[in-house]
Amino acid sequence: MSGSPDEDKLEELRQQKMEQLQERAESQQSEASQEAAQQQAEAQKNALLRQHLTDDARKRLNTVKMSKPQFGEQVEQQVVSLARSGRIQGQIDDDKMKQLLKELKPDSQSFDIQRR
């Protein structure tokens, strides 16, 4: 079924285009499934936080997350791991949240300014 060289070239280009389209479709599917898994994990984390934090503690955590996003994420992860391991009795109230934030906060650097 070999036709002219132009037809062979055209068929080869069509084949390459089909392969590119298939690869693109597969990558989009994997991105979508990763995104769905990430959203599900986020929903589970929020459900655990809602279950184990009082409203005031959750407000305080959200305030921390707005000012220091990385530190807020770290605190959330700590609360989630405590909840999953069963080390939280009852709910974390505002005072316990303050204590937890103090424990997890990296030591603030103090600057000694000496005047001569």
N, C-alpha and C. Protein backbone atom coordinates (compact mmCIF):
# COMPACT_ATOMS: atom_id res chain seq x y z
N MET A 1 0.83 -1.19 0.00
CA MET A 1 0.00 0.00 0.00
C MET A 1 0.87 1.24 0.00
N SER A 2 2.08 1.10 -0.40
CA SER A 2 2.94 2.27 -0.41
C SER A 2 2.62 3.11 -1.63
N GLY A 3 2.21 4.35 -1.34
CA GLY A 3 1.89 5.26 -2.44
C GLY A 3 3.10 6.11 -2.74
N SER A 4 2.82 7.31 -3.10
CA SER A 4 3.93 8.22 -3.40
C SER A 4 4.63 8.61 -2.11
N PRO A 5 5.88 9.11 -2.19
CA PRO A 5 6.60 9.53 -0.98
C PRO A 5 5.85 10.59 -0.18
N ASP A 6 5.10 11.44 -0.88
CA ASP A 6 4.33 12.47 -0.18
C ASP A 6 3.25 11.85 0.70
N GLU A 7 2.56 10.82 0.19
CA GLU A 7 1.51 10.16 0.96
C GLU A 7 2.11 9.45 2.18
N ASP A 8 3.28 8.81 2.01
CA ASP A 8 3.94 8.16 3.15
C ASP A 8 4.29 9.18 4.22
N LYS A 9 4.81 10.31 3.80
CA LYS A 9 5.20 11.37 4.74
C LYS A 9 3.96 11.89 5.48
N LEU A 10 2.89 12.07 4.73
CA LEU A 10 1.64 12.54 5.32
C LEU A 10 1.11 11.56 6.36
N GLU A 11 1.15 10.26 6.04
CA GLU A 11 0.69 9.24 6.97
C GLU A 11 1.54 9.24 8.24
N GLU A 12 2.84 9.41 8.07
CA GLU A 12 3.75 9.44 9.22
C GLU A 12 3.44 10.64 10.12
N LEU A 13 3.17 11.78 9.51
CA LEU A 13 2.81 12.97 10.28
C LEU A 13 1.50 12.77 11.03
N ARG A 14 0.54 12.12 10.39
CA ARG A 14 -0.74 11.85 11.06
C ARG A 14 -0.53 10.96 12.28
N GLN A 15 0.32 9.93 12.11
CA GLN A 15 0.61 9.01 13.20
C GLN A 15 1.25 9.75 14.38
N GLN A 16 2.22 10.62 14.07
CA GLN A 16 2.88 11.39 15.13
C GLN A 16 1.88 12.28 15.86
N LYS A 17 1.00 12.91 15.11
CA LYS A 17 0.00 13.81 15.70
C LYS A 17 -0.93 13.03 16.62
N MET A 18 -1.36 11.83 16.20
CA MET A 18 -2.22 11.01 17.03
C MET A 18 -1.53 10.63 18.34
N GLU A 19 -0.25 10.26 18.24
CA GLU A 19 0.50 9.90 19.45
C GLU A 19 0.61 11.09 20.40
N GLN A 20 0.85 12.28 19.83
CA GLN A 20 0.94 13.49 20.67
C GLN A 20 -0.38 13.75 21.38
N LEU A 21 -1.48 13.61 20.64
CA LEU A 21 -2.79 13.86 21.24
C LEU A 21 -3.09 12.85 22.34
N GLN A 22 -2.72 11.58 22.14
CA GLN A 22 -2.94 10.57 23.17
C GLN A 22 -2.12 10.87 24.41
N GLU A 23 -0.86 11.26 24.22
CA GLU A 23 -0.01 11.59 25.37
C GLU A 23 -0.58 12.76 26.15
N ARG A 24 -1.06 13.76 25.42
CA ARG A 24 -1.62 14.94 26.09
C ARG A 24 -2.87 14.55 26.88
N ALA A 25 -3.72 13.71 26.31
CA ALA A 25 -4.94 13.28 26.99
C ALA A 25 -4.59 12.48 28.25
N GLU A 26 -3.59 11.60 28.17
CA GLU A 26 -3.18 10.81 29.33
C GLU A 26 -2.62 11.71 30.44
N SER A 27 -1.84 12.71 30.07
CA SER A 27 -1.26 13.60 31.09
C SER A 27 -2.36 14.42 31.76
N GLN A 28 -3.38 14.83 30.98
CA GLN A 28 -4.48 15.58 31.57
C GLN A 28 -5.28 14.72 32.53
N GLN A 29 -5.46 13.44 32.19
CA GLN A 29 -6.18 12.53 33.09
C GLN A 29 -5.43 12.34 34.39
N SER A 30 -4.10 12.17 34.31
CA SER A 30 -3.34 11.96 35.54
C SER A 30 -3.34 13.22 36.39
N GLU A 31 -3.28 14.41 35.74
CA GLU A 31 -3.35 15.66 36.50
C GLU A 31 -4.69 15.78 37.19
N ALA A 32 -5.76 15.42 36.50
CA ALA A 32 -7.10 15.50 37.08
C ALA A 32 -7.24 14.55 38.27
N SER A 33 -6.69 13.34 38.14
CA SER A 33 -6.81 12.39 39.25
C SER A 33 -5.95 12.85 40.44
N GLN A 34 -4.80 13.44 40.17
CA GLN A 34 -3.97 13.98 41.26
C GLN A 34 -4.69 15.11 41.96
N GLU A 35 -5.32 15.97 41.17
CA GLU A 35 -6.05 17.10 41.75
C GLU A 35 -7.22 16.62 42.60
N ALA A 36 -7.92 15.59 42.12
CA ALA A 36 -9.04 15.04 42.87
C ALA A 36 -8.56 14.43 44.19
N ALA A 37 -7.44 13.73 44.15
CA ALA A 37 -6.89 13.13 45.37
C ALA A 37 -6.47 14.23 46.35
N GLN A 38 -5.90 15.31 45.81
CA GLN A 38 -5.47 16.41 46.67
C GLN A 38 -6.68 17.08 47.32
N GLN A 39 -7.75 17.27 46.54
CA GLN A 39 -8.96 17.87 47.10
C GLN A 39 -9.58 16.98 48.17
N GLN A 40 -9.54 15.68 47.95
CA GLN A 40 -10.10 14.75 48.94
C GLN A 40 -9.29 14.79 50.22
N ALA A 41 -7.96 14.83 50.11
CA ALA A 41 -7.10 14.90 51.29
C ALA A 41 -7.35 16.20 52.05
N GLU A 42 -7.53 17.30 51.32
CA GLU A 42 -7.82 18.59 51.93
C GLU A 42 -9.15 18.56 52.67
N ALA A 43 -10.15 17.92 52.06
CA ALA A 43 -11.47 17.81 52.69
C ALA A 43 -11.39 16.98 53.97
N GLN A 44 -10.62 15.88 53.94
CA GLN A 44 -10.46 15.05 55.14
C GLN A 44 -9.76 15.85 56.24
N LYS A 45 -8.73 16.60 55.86
CA LYS A 45 -8.00 17.41 56.85
C LYS A 45 -8.93 18.44 57.48
N ASN A 46 -9.74 19.12 56.65
CA ASN A 46 -10.66 20.12 57.18
C ASN A 46 -11.71 19.49 58.08
N ALA A 47 -12.17 18.29 57.76
CA ALA A 47 -13.15 17.61 58.60
C ALA A 47 -12.55 17.27 59.96
N LEU A 48 -11.29 16.80 59.95
CA LEU A 48 -10.61 16.49 61.22
C LEU A 48 -10.43 17.75 62.05
N LEU A 49 -10.02 18.84 61.40
CA LEU A 49 -9.83 20.09 62.14
C LEU A 49 -11.15 20.57 62.72
N ARG A 50 -12.23 20.48 61.94
CA ARG A 50 -13.55 20.91 62.41
C ARG A 50 -13.97 20.07 63.62
N GLN A 51 -13.62 18.79 63.58
CA GLN A 51 -14.02 17.87 64.65
C GLN A 51 -13.24 18.12 65.93
N HIS A 52 -11.96 18.45 65.82
CA HIS A 52 -11.10 18.51 67.00
C HIS A 52 -10.76 19.92 67.49
N LEU A 53 -11.21 20.95 66.76
CA LEU A 53 -10.93 22.32 67.20
C LEU A 53 -12.23 23.05 67.51
N THR A 54 -12.22 23.85 68.58
CA THR A 54 -13.37 24.70 68.84
C THR A 54 -13.36 25.84 67.82
N ASP A 55 -14.47 26.59 67.75
CA ASP A 55 -14.55 27.69 66.79
C ASP A 55 -13.45 28.72 67.02
N ASP A 56 -13.21 29.05 68.29
CA ASP A 56 -12.17 30.05 68.60
C ASP A 56 -10.79 29.57 68.18
N ALA A 57 -10.50 28.29 68.44
CA ALA A 57 -9.19 27.74 68.07
C ALA A 57 -9.04 27.74 66.55
N ARG A 58 -10.12 27.43 65.84
CA ARG A 58 -10.07 27.43 64.37
C ARG A 58 -9.85 28.84 63.83
N LYS A 59 -10.50 29.82 64.45
CA LYS A 59 -10.32 31.22 64.04
C LYS A 59 -8.86 31.64 64.25
N ARG A 60 -8.31 31.26 65.40
CA ARG A 60 -6.92 31.62 65.69
C ARG A 60 -5.98 30.97 64.67
N LEU A 61 -6.23 29.71 64.34
CA LEU A 61 -5.40 29.02 63.37
C LEU A 61 -5.51 29.68 61.99
N ASN A 62 -6.72 30.07 61.60
CA ASN A 62 -6.90 30.75 60.31
C ASN A 62 -6.17 32.08 60.28
N THR A 63 -6.17 32.80 61.39
CA THR A 63 -5.45 34.06 61.47
C THR A 63 -3.96 33.82 61.30
N VAL A 64 -3.45 32.80 61.96
CA VAL A 64 -2.02 32.46 61.83
C VAL A 64 -1.70 32.09 60.38
N LYS A 65 -2.59 31.31 59.76
CA LYS A 65 -2.35 30.89 58.37
C LYS A 65 -2.30 32.08 57.42
N MET A 66 -3.09 33.11 57.70
CA MET A 66 -3.08 34.28 56.82
C MET A 66 -1.78 35.06 56.95
N SER A 67 -1.28 35.16 58.16
CA SER A 67 -0.05 35.94 58.36
C SER A 67 1.20 35.12 58.06
N LYS A 68 1.17 33.84 58.40
CA LYS A 68 2.33 32.96 58.17
C LYS A 68 1.84 31.64 57.60
N PRO A 69 1.64 31.57 56.28
CA PRO A 69 1.04 30.37 55.67
C PRO A 69 1.80 29.08 55.96
N GLN A 70 3.11 29.10 55.88
CA GLN A 70 3.88 27.87 56.09
C GLN A 70 3.74 27.38 57.53
N PHE A 71 3.83 28.30 58.48
CA PHE A 71 3.70 27.94 59.88
C PHE A 71 2.29 27.43 60.17
N GLY A 72 1.27 28.07 59.57
CA GLY A 72 -0.11 27.63 59.73
C GLY A 72 -0.31 26.21 59.23
N GLU A 73 0.29 25.90 58.06
CA GLU A 73 0.22 24.54 57.50
C GLU A 73 0.87 23.55 58.45
N GLN A 74 2.01 23.94 59.00
CA GLN A 74 2.74 23.06 59.92
C GLN A 74 1.88 22.74 61.15
N VAL A 75 1.21 23.76 61.69
CA VAL A 75 0.35 23.57 62.85
C VAL A 75 -0.82 22.67 62.49
N GLU A 76 -1.41 22.90 61.31
CA GLU A 76 -2.52 22.05 60.87
C GLU A 76 -2.08 20.59 60.78
N GLN A 77 -0.92 20.36 60.17
CA GLN A 77 -0.41 19.00 60.04
C GLN A 77 -0.21 18.36 61.42
N GLN A 78 0.29 19.14 62.36
CA GLN A 78 0.51 18.64 63.72
C GLN A 78 -0.81 18.23 64.36
N VAL A 79 -1.82 19.08 64.23
CA VAL A 79 -3.13 18.78 64.81
C VAL A 79 -3.72 17.53 64.16
N VAL A 80 -3.59 17.43 62.83
CA VAL A 80 -4.13 16.26 62.11
C VAL A 80 -3.42 14.99 62.56
N SER A 81 -2.10 15.06 62.70
CA SER A 81 -1.38 13.84 63.12
C SER A 81 -1.72 13.47 64.56
N LEU A 82 -1.91 14.46 65.43
CA LEU A 82 -2.34 14.18 66.80
C LEU A 82 -3.72 13.54 66.80
N ALA A 83 -4.61 14.05 65.96
CA ALA A 83 -5.97 13.52 65.90
C ALA A 83 -5.97 12.09 65.38
N ARG A 84 -5.17 11.83 64.35
CA ARG A 84 -5.14 10.49 63.76
C ARG A 84 -4.53 9.46 64.71
N SER A 85 -3.59 9.92 65.53
CA SER A 85 -2.96 8.98 66.46
C SER A 85 -3.78 8.82 67.74
N GLY A 86 -4.85 9.59 67.86
CA GLY A 86 -5.75 9.45 69.00
C GLY A 86 -5.24 10.13 70.26
N ARG A 87 -4.34 11.10 70.11
CA ARG A 87 -3.78 11.77 71.29
C ARG A 87 -4.52 13.04 71.67
N ILE A 88 -5.65 13.29 71.02
CA ILE A 88 -6.44 14.47 71.39
C ILE A 88 -7.67 13.99 72.14
N GLN A 89 -7.78 14.39 73.41
CA GLN A 89 -8.96 14.07 74.18
C GLN A 89 -9.88 15.29 74.11
N GLY A 90 -11.10 15.08 73.66
CA GLY A 90 -12.03 16.20 73.53
C GLY A 90 -11.64 17.09 72.37
N GLN A 91 -11.82 18.39 72.59
CA GLN A 91 -11.48 19.35 71.54
C GLN A 91 -10.36 20.27 72.01
N ILE A 92 -9.63 20.80 71.05
CA ILE A 92 -8.60 21.80 71.37
C ILE A 92 -9.30 23.14 71.42
N ASP A 93 -9.25 23.79 72.59
CA ASP A 93 -9.87 25.11 72.71
C ASP A 93 -8.81 26.18 72.43
N ASP A 94 -9.21 27.43 72.61
CA ASP A 94 -8.33 28.54 72.27
C ASP A 94 -7.05 28.52 73.11
N ASP A 95 -7.17 28.22 74.41
CA ASP A 95 -5.98 28.20 75.27
C ASP A 95 -5.00 27.10 74.85
N LYS A 96 -5.55 25.92 74.55
CA LYS A 96 -4.67 24.82 74.09
C LYS A 96 -4.02 25.18 72.77
N MET A 97 -4.76 25.89 71.90
CA MET A 97 -4.20 26.29 70.60
C MET A 97 -3.06 27.28 70.82
N LYS A 98 -3.24 28.21 71.75
CA LYS A 98 -2.16 29.17 72.05
C LYS A 98 -0.91 28.42 72.51
N GLN A 99 -1.13 27.44 73.38
CA GLN A 99 0.00 26.65 73.90
C GLN A 99 0.68 25.88 72.77
N LEU A 100 -0.12 25.27 71.89
CA LEU A 100 0.43 24.52 70.76
C LEU A 100 1.22 25.44 69.83
N LEU A 101 0.68 26.63 69.57
CA LEU A 101 1.38 27.58 68.72
C LEU A 101 2.71 28.00 69.34
N LYS A 102 2.70 28.19 70.66
CA LYS A 102 3.94 28.56 71.35
C LYS A 102 4.99 27.46 71.24
N GLU A 103 4.53 26.21 71.41
CA GLU A 103 5.46 25.07 71.34
C GLU A 103 6.05 24.91 69.94
N LEU A 104 5.22 25.13 68.91
CA LEU A 104 5.67 24.89 67.55
C LEU A 104 6.40 26.09 66.94
N LYS A 105 6.22 27.26 67.54
CA LYS A 105 6.83 28.46 66.96
C LYS A 105 8.35 28.37 67.06
N PRO A 106 9.03 28.59 65.96
CA PRO A 106 10.49 28.58 66.03
C PRO A 106 10.95 29.71 66.96
N ASP A 107 12.03 29.45 67.67
CA ASP A 107 12.53 30.47 68.60
C ASP A 107 12.76 31.77 67.85
N SER A 108 12.15 32.81 68.36
CA SER A 108 12.37 34.09 67.69
C SER A 108 13.77 34.56 68.02
N GLN A 109 14.42 35.07 67.03
CA GLN A 109 15.80 35.51 67.23
C GLN A 109 15.78 36.82 68.00
N SER A 110 16.61 36.90 68.99
CA SER A 110 16.70 38.15 69.72
C SER A 110 17.96 38.86 69.24
N PHE A 111 17.83 40.14 69.07
CA PHE A 111 18.98 40.93 68.62
C PHE A 111 19.45 41.75 69.80
N ASP A 112 20.69 41.59 70.14
CA ASP A 112 21.28 42.35 71.23
C ASP A 112 21.94 43.60 70.63
N ILE A 113 21.35 44.73 70.87
CA ILE A 113 21.92 45.95 70.33
C ILE A 113 22.63 46.66 71.48
N GLN A 114 23.90 46.80 71.32
CA GLN A 114 24.68 47.47 72.35
C GLN A 114 25.11 48.84 71.82
N ARG A 115 24.86 49.84 72.62
CA ARG A 115 25.26 51.20 72.22
C ARG A 115 26.57 51.54 72.92
N ARG A 116 27.41 52.22 72.22
CA ARG A 116 28.70 52.59 72.81
C ARG A 116 28.76 54.05 73.14
